[in-house]
Every structure is written in C-alpha cells, then in structure tokens.
N, C-alpha and C. Protein backbone atom coordinates (compact mmCIF):
# COMPACT_ATOMS: atom_id res chain seq x y z
N MET A 1 0.81 -1.18 0.00
CA MET A 1 0.00 0.00 0.00
C MET A 1 0.87 1.26 0.00
N ASN A 2 2.09 1.15 0.47
CA ASN A 2 3.01 2.28 0.50
C ASN A 2 2.39 3.51 1.13
N ASP A 3 2.02 3.37 2.37
CA ASP A 3 1.43 4.45 3.14
C ASP A 3 2.20 4.54 4.46
N THR A 4 2.02 5.64 5.15
CA THR A 4 2.62 5.75 6.48
C THR A 4 1.71 5.02 7.47
N GLU A 5 2.24 4.77 8.65
CA GLU A 5 1.41 4.10 9.66
C GLU A 5 0.21 4.98 10.01
N GLU A 6 0.43 6.27 10.11
CA GLU A 6 -0.66 7.19 10.41
C GLU A 6 -1.72 7.17 9.31
N GLY A 7 -1.28 7.20 8.06
CA GLY A 7 -2.21 7.15 6.93
C GLY A 7 -2.98 5.84 6.88
N MET A 8 -2.30 4.74 7.17
CA MET A 8 -2.96 3.44 7.16
C MET A 8 -4.05 3.40 8.22
N ARG A 9 -3.74 3.90 9.40
CA ARG A 9 -4.72 3.89 10.48
C ARG A 9 -5.90 4.81 10.16
N ARG A 10 -5.65 5.89 9.45
CA ARG A 10 -6.72 6.82 9.08
C ARG A 10 -7.67 6.18 8.07
N HIS A 11 -7.13 5.42 7.11
CA HIS A 11 -7.94 4.84 6.04
C HIS A 11 -8.43 3.42 6.34
N TRP A 12 -7.69 2.70 7.17
CA TRP A 12 -8.02 1.30 7.47
C TRP A 12 -8.12 1.11 8.97
N ASN A 13 -9.28 1.39 9.54
CA ASN A 13 -9.44 1.19 10.97
C ASN A 13 -9.61 -0.31 11.26
N ASP A 14 -9.54 -0.67 12.54
CA ASP A 14 -9.60 -2.09 12.93
C ASP A 14 -10.89 -2.76 12.47
N LYS A 15 -12.00 -2.04 12.52
CA LYS A 15 -13.27 -2.63 12.10
C LYS A 15 -13.22 -3.03 10.63
N ARG A 16 -12.60 -2.21 9.79
CA ARG A 16 -12.48 -2.51 8.37
C ARG A 16 -11.56 -3.71 8.14
N TRP A 17 -10.44 -3.75 8.85
CA TRP A 17 -9.52 -4.90 8.75
C TRP A 17 -10.23 -6.18 9.16
N GLU A 18 -10.93 -6.12 10.30
CA GLU A 18 -11.58 -7.32 10.83
C GLU A 18 -12.62 -7.86 9.87
N HIS A 19 -13.35 -6.98 9.21
CA HIS A 19 -14.35 -7.41 8.23
C HIS A 19 -13.67 -8.18 7.09
N MET A 20 -12.59 -7.61 6.55
CA MET A 20 -11.88 -8.25 5.45
C MET A 20 -11.25 -9.58 5.91
N GLU A 21 -10.63 -9.58 7.08
CA GLU A 21 -9.98 -10.79 7.59
C GLU A 21 -11.00 -11.90 7.84
N ARG A 22 -12.16 -11.56 8.37
CA ARG A 22 -13.20 -12.55 8.63
C ARG A 22 -13.72 -13.15 7.33
N TYR A 23 -13.93 -12.31 6.32
CA TYR A 23 -14.42 -12.76 5.02
C TYR A 23 -13.42 -13.72 4.36
N ILE A 24 -12.16 -13.31 4.30
CA ILE A 24 -11.13 -14.15 3.67
C ILE A 24 -10.88 -15.40 4.51
N GLY A 25 -10.93 -15.27 5.84
CA GLY A 25 -10.71 -16.41 6.74
C GLY A 25 -11.75 -17.50 6.57
N ARG A 26 -12.96 -17.13 6.19
CA ARG A 26 -14.00 -18.14 5.96
C ARG A 26 -13.71 -18.95 4.70
N ILE A 27 -13.16 -18.30 3.70
CA ILE A 27 -12.88 -18.97 2.43
C ILE A 27 -11.59 -19.79 2.51
N PHE A 28 -10.56 -19.23 3.09
CA PHE A 28 -9.26 -19.91 3.15
C PHE A 28 -8.98 -20.37 4.57
N THR A 29 -8.07 -19.72 5.24
CA THR A 29 -7.74 -20.02 6.64
C THR A 29 -7.63 -18.69 7.38
N PRO A 30 -7.69 -18.72 8.71
CA PRO A 30 -7.54 -17.45 9.45
C PRO A 30 -6.24 -16.74 9.08
N LEU A 31 -6.31 -15.43 9.05
CA LEU A 31 -5.17 -14.62 8.62
C LEU A 31 -4.33 -14.12 9.78
N GLN A 32 -3.10 -13.77 9.45
CA GLN A 32 -2.23 -13.05 10.37
C GLN A 32 -1.89 -11.74 9.68
N ARG A 33 -2.24 -10.64 10.29
CA ARG A 33 -2.02 -9.33 9.68
C ARG A 33 -0.57 -8.89 9.89
N ILE A 34 0.09 -8.49 8.81
CA ILE A 34 1.45 -7.96 8.87
C ILE A 34 1.45 -6.64 8.11
N CYS A 35 1.81 -5.57 8.77
CA CYS A 35 1.88 -4.25 8.13
C CYS A 35 3.34 -3.81 8.08
N ALA A 36 3.83 -3.52 6.89
CA ALA A 36 5.21 -3.07 6.71
C ALA A 36 5.20 -1.67 6.12
N PHE A 37 5.96 -0.78 6.71
CA PHE A 37 6.00 0.61 6.25
C PHE A 37 7.37 0.98 5.70
N ASN A 38 8.22 0.01 5.51
CA ASN A 38 9.58 0.26 5.00
C ASN A 38 9.74 -0.37 3.61
N THR A 39 8.82 -0.06 2.71
CA THR A 39 8.84 -0.64 1.37
C THR A 39 9.49 0.31 0.38
N TYR A 40 9.90 -0.22 -0.77
CA TYR A 40 10.54 0.57 -1.81
C TYR A 40 9.57 0.85 -2.94
N GLN A 41 9.69 2.03 -3.55
CA GLN A 41 8.97 2.36 -4.77
C GLN A 41 9.97 2.97 -5.74
N PHE A 42 9.88 2.56 -7.01
CA PHE A 42 10.76 3.09 -8.04
C PHE A 42 9.92 3.60 -9.20
N LYS A 43 10.40 4.65 -9.86
CA LYS A 43 9.71 5.14 -11.06
C LYS A 43 9.85 4.14 -12.21
N ASP A 44 11.04 3.52 -12.32
CA ASP A 44 11.31 2.54 -13.37
C ASP A 44 11.90 1.29 -12.72
N TYR A 45 11.10 0.28 -12.53
CA TYR A 45 11.55 -0.93 -11.83
C TYR A 45 12.60 -1.70 -12.63
N ASN A 46 12.68 -1.50 -13.92
CA ASN A 46 13.69 -2.18 -14.73
C ASN A 46 15.09 -1.61 -14.52
N ALA A 47 15.18 -0.42 -13.95
CA ALA A 47 16.48 0.23 -13.75
C ALA A 47 17.17 -0.22 -12.46
N TYR A 48 16.49 -0.99 -11.63
CA TYR A 48 17.03 -1.40 -10.34
C TYR A 48 17.01 -2.90 -10.18
N LYS A 49 18.01 -3.39 -9.46
CA LYS A 49 18.01 -4.80 -9.08
C LYS A 49 17.90 -4.83 -7.56
N THR A 50 16.84 -5.45 -7.08
CA THR A 50 16.63 -5.52 -5.64
C THR A 50 16.43 -6.96 -5.22
N ASN A 51 16.66 -7.20 -3.96
CA ASN A 51 16.35 -8.50 -3.38
C ASN A 51 14.88 -8.45 -3.00
N GLY A 52 14.05 -9.02 -3.86
CA GLY A 52 12.61 -8.93 -3.70
C GLY A 52 12.10 -9.52 -2.41
N PHE A 53 11.80 -10.79 -2.42
CA PHE A 53 11.24 -11.44 -1.26
C PHE A 53 12.33 -12.27 -0.59
N LEU A 54 12.86 -11.73 0.46
CA LEU A 54 13.91 -12.45 1.19
C LEU A 54 13.28 -13.48 2.09
N SER A 55 13.95 -14.58 2.25
CA SER A 55 13.47 -15.62 3.15
C SER A 55 13.69 -15.18 4.59
N VAL A 56 12.62 -15.17 5.37
CA VAL A 56 12.71 -14.73 6.77
C VAL A 56 12.24 -15.87 7.65
N SER A 57 13.06 -16.21 8.62
CA SER A 57 12.69 -17.27 9.55
C SER A 57 11.92 -16.68 10.72
N PRO A 58 10.86 -17.34 11.17
CA PRO A 58 10.10 -16.81 12.31
C PRO A 58 10.87 -16.89 13.61
C-alpha cells in the first residue's frame, strides 16, 4: 500500500480490517495481519536490481 502508519490507520481502521480478515478467513484459513511501512517504490523498476522477497525465519 506504500502508506505511512498514520495514513494506514486513518484509512483502514480495525473494524475494516476485521471485516476483510473474517471474510477471507471463511474462504481460506484465518489470517495473520502484517503491516510493513519500509517498502521501496521506483519510477522505473527495470532500472534497479533488488532483493525482492527475502526468506525470513520466524
């Protein structure tokens, strides 16, 4: 979403998240919400080489 934590809380309150999580949880499995605010955005993604999805151990 590339928003700040403040912006995310302003647009996505807990009630809205819970509605979406409950709906998707019925179809698939219960969700775990993870919000990351340290994401990258580039004007031209072909001009950069990044480590996309790094393997993270819990």
